[in-house]
């Protein structure tokens, strides 16, 4: 019986390799069936990038106002109050528990 199957062994081995690569080409980490998941992840990451970009622009604008050449008195006062806990005598202060 082994003599009858011996000529077919290379064909079965090749068929096994083809099935293996086709299966992983469809369902693997970068397979064709996971394209929609990759597109959804790309959309989510694009939104996250836009949010981070807007935060960066805001922080750069605030940092520009704190430089020596263009110091904003209002921003400096706001930062000093929040960091040091100072308040103007005319301000109403309402303390809350953290």
C-alpha atoms as a PDB file:
ATOM      1  CA  UNK A   1       0.000   0.000   0.000  1.00  0.00           C
ATOM      2  CA  UNK A   2       2.869   2.362   0.787  1.00  0.00           C
ATOM      3  CA  UNK A   3       4.165   1.766  -2.737  1.00  0.00           C
ATOM      4  CA  UNK A   4       0.877   3.049  -4.201  1.00  0.00           C
ATOM      5  CA  UNK A   5       0.912   6.253  -2.108  1.00  0.00           C
ATOM      6  CA  UNK A   6       4.608   7.075  -2.509  1.00  0.00           C
ATOM      7  CA  UNK A   7       4.194   8.922  -5.868  1.00  0.00           C
ATOM      8  CA  UNK A   8       1.395  11.031  -4.344  1.00  0.00           C
ATOM      9  CA  UNK A   9       3.358  12.172  -1.260  1.00  0.00           C
ATOM     10  CA  UNK A  10       4.862  15.289  -2.910  1.00  0.00           C
ATOM     11  CA  UNK A  11       1.399  16.254  -4.153  1.00  0.00           C
ATOM     12  CA  UNK A  12      -0.095  15.900  -0.656  1.00  0.00           C
ATOM     13  CA  UNK A  13       2.791  17.863   0.872  1.00  0.00           C
ATOM     14  CA  UNK A  14       2.323  20.655  -1.657  1.00  0.00           C
ATOM     15  CA  UNK A  15      -1.433  20.652  -1.083  1.00  0.00           C
ATOM     16  CA  UNK A  16      -0.855  20.865   2.675  1.00  0.00           C
ATOM     17  CA  UNK A  17       1.449  23.867   2.229  1.00  0.00           C
ATOM     18  CA  UNK A  18      -1.064  25.578  -0.045  1.00  0.00           C
ATOM     19  CA  UNK A  19      -3.888  25.056   2.462  1.00  0.00           C
ATOM     20  CA  UNK A  20      -1.666  26.301   5.304  1.00  0.00           C
ATOM     21  CA  UNK A  21      -0.673  29.530   3.523  1.00  0.00           C
ATOM     22  CA  UNK A  22      -4.184  30.228   2.212  1.00  0.00           C
ATOM     23  CA  UNK A  23      -5.661  29.738   5.693  1.00  0.00           C
ATOM     24  CA  UNK A  24      -3.166  32.123   7.295  1.00  0.00           C
ATOM     25  CA  UNK A  25      -3.485  34.557   4.406  1.00  0.00           C
ATOM     26  CA  UNK A  26      -7.182  34.846   5.128  1.00  0.00           C
ATOM     27  CA  UNK A  27      -7.317  34.642   8.919  1.00  0.00           C
ATOM     28  CA  UNK A  28      -3.838  35.620  10.075  1.00  0.00           C
ATOM     29  CA  UNK A  29      -2.792  38.810  11.853  1.00  0.00           C
ATOM     30  CA  UNK A  30      -2.687  40.715   8.564  1.00  0.00           C
ATOM     31  CA  UNK A  31      -5.181  38.512   6.732  1.00  0.00           C
ATOM     32  CA  UNK A  32      -7.749  39.613   4.218  1.00  0.00           C
ATOM     33  CA  UNK A  33     -10.681  38.979   6.560  1.00  0.00           C
ATOM     34  CA  UNK A  34      -9.359  41.434   9.172  1.00  0.00           C
ATOM     35  CA  UNK A  35      -9.320  44.424   6.816  1.00  0.00           C
ATOM     36  CA  UNK A  36     -12.461  45.962   8.311  1.00  0.00           C
ATOM     37  CA  UNK A  37     -10.974  45.780  11.812  1.00  0.00           C
ATOM     38  CA  UNK A  38      -7.816  47.486  10.588  1.00  0.00           C
ATOM     39  CA  UNK A  39      -9.874  50.246   8.948  1.00  0.00           C
ATOM     40  CA  UNK A  40     -11.881  50.765  12.162  1.00  0.00           C
ATOM     41  CA  UNK A  41      -8.668  50.950  14.186  1.00  0.00           C
ATOM     42  CA  UNK A  42      -7.218  53.424  11.689  1.00  0.00           C
ATOM     43  CA  UNK A  43     -10.320  55.620  11.985  1.00  0.00           C
ATOM     44  CA  UNK A  44     -10.108  55.533  15.774  1.00  0.00           C
ATOM     45  CA  UNK A  45      -6.414  56.375  15.778  1.00  0.00           C
ATOM     46  CA  UNK A  46      -6.995  59.209  13.278  1.00  0.00           C
ATOM     47  CA  UNK A  47      -9.563  60.756  15.633  1.00  0.00           C
ATOM     48  CA  UNK A  48      -7.159  60.356  18.549  1.00  0.00           C
ATOM     49  CA  UNK A  49      -4.404  62.018  16.514  1.00  0.00           C
ATOM     50  CA  UNK A  50      -6.677  64.981  15.734  1.00  0.00           C
ATOM     51  CA  UNK A  51      -7.478  65.423  19.446  1.00  0.00           C
ATOM     52  CA  UNK A  52      -3.807  65.237  20.399  1.00  0.00           C
ATOM     53  CA  UNK A  53      -2.915  67.683  17.653  1.00  0.00           C
ATOM     54  CA  UNK A  54      -5.464  70.231  18.916  1.00  0.00           C
ATOM     55  CA  UNK A  55      -4.169  69.820  22.477  1.00  0.00           C
ATOM     56  CA  UNK A  56      -0.615  70.360  21.265  1.00  0.00           C
ATOM     57  CA  UNK A  57      -1.575  73.539  19.391  1.00  0.00           C
ATOM     58  CA  UNK A  58      -3.296  74.843  22.549  1.00  0.00           C
ATOM     59  CA  UNK A  59      -0.285  74.034  24.734  1.00  0.00           C
ATOM     60  CA  UNK A  60       2.101  75.652  22.264  1.00  0.00           C
ATOM     61  CA  UNK A  61      -0.017  78.824  22.271  1.00  0.00           C
ATOM     62  CA  UNK A  62      -0.030  78.888  26.085  1.00  0.00           C
ATOM     63  CA  UNK A  63       3.735  78.298  26.209  1.00  0.00           C
ATOM     64  CA  UNK A  64       4.267  81.120  23.700  1.00  0.00           C
ATOM     65  CA  UNK A  65       2.404  83.484  26.052  1.00  0.00           C
ATOM     66  CA  UNK A  66       4.689  82.530  28.950  1.00  0.00           C
ATOM     67  CA  UNK A  67       7.957  83.314  27.131  1.00  0.00           C
ATOM     68  CA  UNK A  68      10.024  86.351  28.179  1.00  0.00           C
ATOM     69  CA  UNK A  69       9.413  88.307  24.987  1.00  0.00           C
ATOM     70  CA  UNK A  70       5.620  88.062  25.096  1.00  0.00           C
ATOM     71  CA  UNK A  71       4.662  87.456  28.721  1.00  0.00           C
ATOM     72  CA  UNK A  72       0.916  87.573  29.302  1.00  0.00           C
ATOM     73  CA  UNK A  73       0.095  88.982  32.732  1.00  0.00           C
ATOM     74  CA  UNK A  74      -3.306  87.282  32.829  1.00  0.00           C
ATOM     75  CA  UNK A  75      -1.892  83.855  32.060  1.00  0.00           C
ATOM     76  CA  UNK A  76       0.936  84.333  34.544  1.00  0.00           C
ATOM     77  CA  UNK A  77      -1.545  85.327  37.249  1.00  0.00           C
ATOM     78  CA  UNK A  78      -3.754  82.344  36.461  1.00  0.00           C
ATOM     79  CA  UNK A  79      -0.836  79.909  36.690  1.00  0.00           C
ATOM     80  CA  UNK A  80       0.448  81.468  39.930  1.00  0.00           C
ATOM     81  CA  UNK A  81      -2.986  81.219  41.520  1.00  0.00           C
ATOM     82  CA  UNK A  82      -3.486  77.612  40.536  1.00  0.00           C
ATOM     83  CA  UNK A  83       0.006  76.448  41.497  1.00  0.00           C
ATOM     84  CA  UNK A  84       0.545  78.489  44.662  1.00  0.00           C
ATOM     85  CA  UNK A  85      -3.018  78.619  45.892  1.00  0.00           C
ATOM     86  CA  UNK A  86      -3.145  82.418  46.088  1.00  0.00           C
ATOM     87  CA  UNK A  87      -6.306  84.445  45.568  1.00  0.00           C
ATOM     88  CA  UNK A  88      -7.053  88.114  45.074  1.00  0.00           C
ATOM     89  CA  UNK A  89      -8.591  89.786  48.146  1.00  0.00           C
ATOM     90  CA  UNK A  90     -11.648  90.693  46.029  1.00  0.00           C
ATOM     91  CA  UNK A  91     -12.199  87.093  44.887  1.00  0.00           C
ATOM     92  CA  UNK A  92     -14.738  84.753  46.431  1.00  0.00           C
ATOM     93  CA  UNK A  93     -13.125  81.426  47.248  1.00  0.00           C
ATOM     94  CA  UNK A  94     -15.252  78.308  47.698  1.00  0.00           C
ATOM     95  CA  UNK A  95     -13.295  75.367  49.062  1.00  0.00           C
ATOM     96  CA  UNK A  96     -14.342  71.866  48.152  1.00  0.00           C
ATOM     97  CA  UNK A  97     -12.935  68.523  49.199  1.00  0.00           C
ATOM     98  CA  UNK A  98     -10.886  66.825  46.467  1.00  0.00           C
END
